[in-house]
C-alpha atoms as a PDB file:
ATOM      1  CA  UNK A   1       0.000   0.000   0.000  1.00  0.00           C
ATOM      2  CA  UNK A   2       1.287   3.422  -0.901  1.00  0.00           C
ATOM      3  CA  UNK A   3       1.286   5.566   2.243  1.00  0.00           C
ATOM      4  CA  UNK A   4      -1.131   8.492   2.099  1.00  0.00           C
ATOM      5  CA  UNK A   5      -3.106   7.075  -0.843  1.00  0.00           C
ATOM      6  CA  UNK A   6      -5.994   5.873   1.310  1.00  0.00           C
ATOM      7  CA  UNK A   7      -9.501   7.345   1.174  1.00  0.00           C
ATOM      8  CA  UNK A   8     -12.460   6.182   3.266  1.00  0.00           C
ATOM      9  CA  UNK A   9     -16.226   6.738   3.371  1.00  0.00           C
ATOM     10  CA  UNK A  10     -19.052   5.720   5.707  1.00  0.00           C
ATOM     11  CA  UNK A  11     -21.684   4.220   3.382  1.00  0.00           C
ATOM     12  CA  UNK A  12     -25.372   3.746   4.207  1.00  0.00           C
ATOM     13  CA  UNK A  13     -27.373   1.492   1.883  1.00  0.00           C
ATOM     14  CA  UNK A  14     -31.098   0.900   1.567  1.00  0.00           C
ATOM     15  CA  UNK A  15     -31.875  -2.282   3.480  1.00  0.00           C
ATOM     16  CA  UNK A  16     -34.217  -3.561   0.735  1.00  0.00           C
ATOM     17  CA  UNK A  17     -32.581  -2.488  -2.538  1.00  0.00           C
ATOM     18  CA  UNK A  18     -28.907  -2.071  -1.582  1.00  0.00           C
ATOM     19  CA  UNK A  19     -28.948   1.377  -3.217  1.00  0.00           C
ATOM     20  CA  UNK A  20     -26.519   3.846  -1.636  1.00  0.00           C
ATOM     21  CA  UNK A  21     -28.460   6.374   0.436  1.00  0.00           C
ATOM     22  CA  UNK A  22     -25.529   8.292   1.878  1.00  0.00           C
ATOM     23  CA  UNK A  23     -21.745   8.455   1.478  1.00  0.00           C
ATOM     24  CA  UNK A  24     -19.886  10.468   4.095  1.00  0.00           C
ATOM     25  CA  UNK A  25     -16.160  11.006   3.495  1.00  0.00           C
ATOM     26  CA  UNK A  26     -13.943  10.175   6.478  1.00  0.00           C
ATOM     27  CA  UNK A  27     -10.809  12.187   7.151  1.00  0.00           C
ATOM     28  CA  UNK A  28      -7.543  10.330   7.697  1.00  0.00           C
ATOM     29  CA  UNK A  29      -5.972  10.940  11.143  1.00  0.00           C
ATOM     30  CA  UNK A  30      -9.214  12.580  12.342  1.00  0.00           C
ATOM     31  CA  UNK A  31     -11.984  10.033  11.678  1.00  0.00           C
ATOM     32  CA  UNK A  32      -9.735   6.991  11.168  1.00  0.00           C
ATOM     33  CA  UNK A  33      -6.166   5.741  11.366  1.00  0.00           C
ATOM     34  CA  UNK A  34      -4.572   2.901   9.421  1.00  0.00           C
ATOM     35  CA  UNK A  35      -2.409   0.718  11.646  1.00  0.00           C
ATOM     36  CA  UNK A  36       0.165  -0.721   9.243  1.00  0.00           C
ATOM     37  CA  UNK A  37       1.604  -3.060  11.894  1.00  0.00           C
ATOM     38  CA  UNK A  38      -1.671  -4.924  12.459  1.00  0.00           C
ATOM     39  CA  UNK A  39      -3.272  -4.274   9.042  1.00  0.00           C
ATOM     40  CA  UNK A  40      -6.189  -2.586  10.792  1.00  0.00           C
ATOM     41  CA  UNK A  41      -8.492   0.360  10.219  1.00  0.00           C
ATOM     42  CA  UNK A  42      -9.193   2.094  13.542  1.00  0.00           C
ATOM     43  CA  UNK A  43     -12.219   4.372  13.625  1.00  0.00           C
ATOM     44  CA  UNK A  44     -12.431   7.329  16.006  1.00  0.00           C
ATOM     45  CA  UNK A  45     -16.108   6.558  16.694  1.00  0.00           C
ATOM     46  CA  UNK A  46     -17.572   3.009  16.710  1.00  0.00           C
ATOM     47  CA  UNK A  47     -19.510   2.110  13.565  1.00  0.00           C
ATOM     48  CA  UNK A  48     -23.084   0.918  14.134  1.00  0.00           C
ATOM     49  CA  UNK A  49     -24.244  -1.990  11.981  1.00  0.00           C
ATOM     50  CA  UNK A  50     -27.341   0.027  10.967  1.00  0.00           C
ATOM     51  CA  UNK A  51     -28.648   3.583  11.085  1.00  0.00           C
ATOM     52  CA  UNK A  52     -31.751   4.713  13.010  1.00  0.00           C
ATOM     53  CA  UNK A  53     -34.012   3.387  10.231  1.00  0.00           C
ATOM     54  CA  UNK A  54     -32.338  -0.037  10.097  1.00  0.00           C
ATOM     55  CA  UNK A  55     -30.342   0.598   6.894  1.00  0.00           C
ATOM     56  CA  UNK A  56     -26.923  -1.180   6.929  1.00  0.00           C
ATOM     57  CA  UNK A  57     -23.829   0.975   7.406  1.00  0.00           C
ATOM     58  CA  UNK A  58     -20.319   0.040   6.248  1.00  0.00           C
ATOM     59  CA  UNK A  59     -16.935   1.601   5.541  1.00  0.00           C
ATOM     60  CA  UNK A  60     -15.456   1.764   2.040  1.00  0.00           C
ATOM     61  CA  UNK A  61     -11.658   2.006   1.958  1.00  0.00           C
ATOM     62  CA  UNK A  62      -9.730   2.644  -1.261  1.00  0.00           C
ATOM     63  CA  UNK A  63      -5.932   2.707  -1.555  1.00  0.00           C
ATOM     64  CA  UNK A  64      -3.160   2.324  -4.124  1.00  0.00           C
ATOM     65  CA  UNK A  65      -0.514  -0.399  -4.202  1.00  0.00           C
ATOM     66  CA  UNK A  66       2.824  -0.782  -5.933  1.00  0.00           C
ATOM     67  CA  UNK A  67       3.635  -3.736  -8.143  1.00  0.00           C
ATOM     68  CA  UNK A  68       1.317  -6.672  -8.496  1.00  0.00           C
ATOM     69  CA  UNK A  69      -1.022  -8.003  -5.864  1.00  0.00           C
ATOM     70  CA  UNK A  70      -2.719 -11.336  -5.460  1.00  0.00           C
ATOM     71  CA  UNK A  71      -6.311 -11.233  -6.673  1.00  0.00           C
ATOM     72  CA  UNK A  72      -9.028 -12.918  -4.675  1.00  0.00           C
ATOM     73  CA  UNK A  73     -12.763 -12.704  -4.119  1.00  0.00           C
ATOM     74  CA  UNK A  74     -14.208 -10.698  -1.244  1.00  0.00           C
ATOM     75  CA  UNK A  75     -17.924 -11.338  -0.845  1.00  0.00           C
ATOM     76  CA  UNK A  76     -20.681 -11.415   1.699  1.00  0.00           C
ATOM     77  CA  UNK A  77     -24.361 -11.299   2.300  1.00  0.00           C
ATOM     78  CA  UNK A  78     -27.027 -10.362   4.790  1.00  0.00           C
ATOM     79  CA  UNK A  79     -30.354 -12.115   5.378  1.00  0.00           C
ATOM     80  CA  UNK A  80     -33.080 -10.487   7.470  1.00  0.00           C
ATOM     81  CA  UNK A  81     -36.259 -12.185   8.707  1.00  0.00           C
ATOM     82  CA  UNK A  82     -39.071 -10.195  10.311  1.00  0.00           C
ATOM     83  CA  UNK A  83     -41.331 -12.731  12.089  1.00  0.00           C
ATOM     84  CA  UNK A  84     -43.233  -9.939  13.852  1.00  0.00           C
ATOM     85  CA  UNK A  85     -43.601  -6.195  13.339  1.00  0.00           C
ATOM     86  CA  UNK A  86     -41.356  -5.431  16.318  1.00  0.00           C
ATOM     87  CA  UNK A  87     -38.773  -8.221  15.823  1.00  0.00           C
ATOM     88  CA  UNK A  88     -35.957  -8.592  13.306  1.00  0.00           C
ATOM     89  CA  UNK A  89     -33.578 -11.557  13.123  1.00  0.00           C
ATOM     90  CA  UNK A  90     -30.639 -11.607  10.750  1.00  0.00           C
ATOM     91  CA  UNK A  91     -27.467 -13.352   9.690  1.00  0.00           C
ATOM     92  CA  UNK A  92     -24.497 -12.117   7.732  1.00  0.00           C
ATOM     93  CA  UNK A  93     -21.345 -13.585   6.273  1.00  0.00           C
ATOM     94  CA  UNK A  94     -18.221 -12.074   4.792  1.00  0.00           C
ATOM     95  CA  UNK A  95     -15.468 -14.106   3.175  1.00  0.00           C
ATOM     96  CA  UNK A  96     -12.099 -13.108   1.729  1.00  0.00           C
ATOM     97  CA  UNK A  97     -11.040 -16.112  -0.329  1.00  0.00           C
ATOM     98  CA  UNK A  98      -7.321 -15.396  -0.570  1.00  0.00           C
ATOM     99  CA  UNK A  99      -4.842 -18.272  -0.518  1.00  0.00           C
ATOM    100  CA  UNK A 100      -4.958 -20.520   2.555  1.00  0.00           C
ATOM    101  CA  UNK A 101      -2.485 -19.537   5.252  1.00  0.00           C
ATOM    102  CA  UNK A 102      -2.282 -15.887   4.154  1.00  0.00           C
ATOM    103  CA  UNK A 103      -3.386 -12.991   6.388  1.00  0.00           C
ATOM    104  CA  UNK A 104      -5.782 -11.789   3.659  1.00  0.00           C
ATOM    105  CA  UNK A 105      -7.939 -14.906   4.019  1.00  0.00           C
ATOM    106  CA  UNK A 106     -10.686 -14.206   6.565  1.00  0.00           C
ATOM    107  CA  UNK A 107     -14.167 -15.505   7.271  1.00  0.00           C
ATOM    108  CA  UNK A 108     -16.811 -13.817   9.386  1.00  0.00           C
ATOM    109  CA  UNK A 109     -20.247 -15.115  10.362  1.00  0.00           C
ATOM    110  CA  UNK A 110     -22.709 -13.278  12.602  1.00  0.00           C
ATOM    111  CA  UNK A 111     -26.302 -13.545  13.759  1.00  0.00           C
ATOM    112  CA  UNK A 112     -28.285 -10.767  15.381  1.00  0.00           C
ATOM    113  CA  UNK A 113     -31.662  -9.860  16.787  1.00  0.00           C
ATOM    114  CA  UNK A 114     -33.259  -6.425  17.080  1.00  0.00           C
ATOM    115  CA  UNK A 115     -36.458  -5.953  19.101  1.00  0.00           C
ATOM    116  CA  UNK A 116     -38.367  -2.685  19.065  1.00  0.00           C
ATOM    117  CA  UNK A 117     -39.853  -2.032  22.505  1.00  0.00           C
ATOM    118  CA  UNK A 118     -41.763   1.092  21.437  1.00  0.00           C
ATOM    119  CA  UNK A 119     -41.415   3.842  18.819  1.00  0.00           C
ATOM    120  CA  UNK A 120     -38.277   5.221  20.450  1.00  0.00           C
ATOM    121  CA  UNK A 121     -36.634   2.236  22.126  1.00  0.00           C
ATOM    122  CA  UNK A 122     -34.952  -0.894  20.795  1.00  0.00           C
ATOM    123  CA  UNK A 123     -32.699  -3.681  22.070  1.00  0.00           C
ATOM    124  CA  UNK A 124     -30.061  -5.448  19.942  1.00  0.00           C
ATOM    125  CA  UNK A 125     -28.096  -8.683  20.459  1.00  0.00           C
ATOM    126  CA  UNK A 126     -25.334  -9.975  18.188  1.00  0.00           C
ATOM    127  CA  UNK A 127     -22.962 -12.960  18.204  1.00  0.00           C
ATOM    128  CA  UNK A 128     -20.103 -13.268  15.707  1.00  0.00           C
ATOM    129  CA  UNK A 129     -17.324 -15.710  14.816  1.00  0.00           C
ATOM    130  CA  UNK A 130     -14.220 -14.936  12.782  1.00  0.00           C
ATOM    131  CA  UNK A 131     -11.489 -17.176  11.363  1.00  0.00           C
ATOM    132  CA  UNK A 132      -8.145 -15.964  10.054  1.00  0.00           C
ATOM    133  CA  UNK A 133      -5.968 -17.359   7.278  1.00  0.00           C
ATOM    134  CA  UNK A 134      -4.099 -19.661   9.673  1.00  0.00           C
ATOM    135  CA  UNK A 135      -7.369 -21.256  10.775  1.00  0.00           C
ATOM    136  CA  UNK A 136      -7.441 -19.570  14.205  1.00  0.00           C
ATOM    137  CA  UNK A 137     -10.994 -18.655  15.220  1.00  0.00           C
ATOM    138  CA  UNK A 138     -12.553 -16.421  17.825  1.00  0.00           C
ATOM    139  CA  UNK A 139     -16.023 -15.394  18.855  1.00  0.00           C
ATOM    140  CA  UNK A 140     -17.582 -12.263  20.341  1.00  0.00           C
ATOM    141  CA  UNK A 141     -20.956 -10.989  21.439  1.00  0.00           C
ATOM    142  CA  UNK A 142     -22.587  -7.603  21.744  1.00  0.00           C
ATOM    143  CA  UNK A 143     -25.761  -6.333  23.334  1.00  0.00           C
ATOM    144  CA  UNK A 144     -27.035  -2.798  23.163  1.00  0.00           C
ATOM    145  CA  UNK A 145     -30.022  -0.578  23.528  1.00  0.00           C
ATOM    146  CA  UNK A 146     -31.154   2.597  21.834  1.00  0.00           C
ATOM    147  CA  UNK A 147     -33.666   5.118  23.159  1.00  0.00           C
ATOM    148  CA  UNK A 148     -34.984   8.243  21.464  1.00  0.00           C
ATOM    149  CA  UNK A 149     -36.025  10.876  23.996  1.00  0.00           C
ATOM    150  CA  UNK A 150     -37.889  14.158  23.300  1.00  0.00           C
ATOM    151  CA  UNK A 151     -34.597  16.101  23.636  1.00  0.00           C
ATOM    152  CA  UNK A 152     -32.144  13.709  21.991  1.00  0.00           C
ATOM    153  CA  UNK A 153     -31.075  10.124  21.584  1.00  0.00           C
ATOM    154  CA  UNK A 154     -29.195   7.736  23.885  1.00  0.00           C
ATOM    155  CA  UNK A 155     -27.390   4.578  22.908  1.00  0.00           C
ATOM    156  CA  UNK A 156     -25.331   1.994  24.769  1.00  0.00           C
ATOM    157  CA  UNK A 157     -23.377  -1.105  23.773  1.00  0.00           C
END
C-alpha cells in the first residue's frame, strides 16, 4: 500500500434495494487511522451496523498499491427475517477467499436480533465468529439498547 493514498467513506445502503443512500467522506488521522503493523483500520467513533431506520452501514476504503497483488474474491451477504412487526432476526457472512495460510484470508459469520420495545426504544443482540488465514478462530458478542427521547437520543453497547 502506498502511504497516504488511502480514502475512506461511511456508506449507508437501503436495506431492501442495496442502493446507496448516503456516502460520508472520512478524514484520515481525524476520523480513522490505518495501523500498518496490524493491518487494521481504527475508527475514532464506533460504527453501528445500521442507522436509526435499520439501513446497513459500512466503511469503504480505497488505496493504491505498488507492483502486483494477489487477486481474490471478497464477498458477503445479509439475510433479514421479520417474524413480527417489532422483531428482526438476521445473519451475515463475509469471506475473503485469498490463498490458505495468508493474512488476507478471513471468514466472518454473525447472527443478530433487534427488538423494538416502542417507537423510540430498541434492544439489539449480536454474536459473531471470525477465522483468520491460519485457521485460528474467535467469537464475540454484543448487546445494546437505543432510546430516542424528546430532547435527543441515547445509545449503549
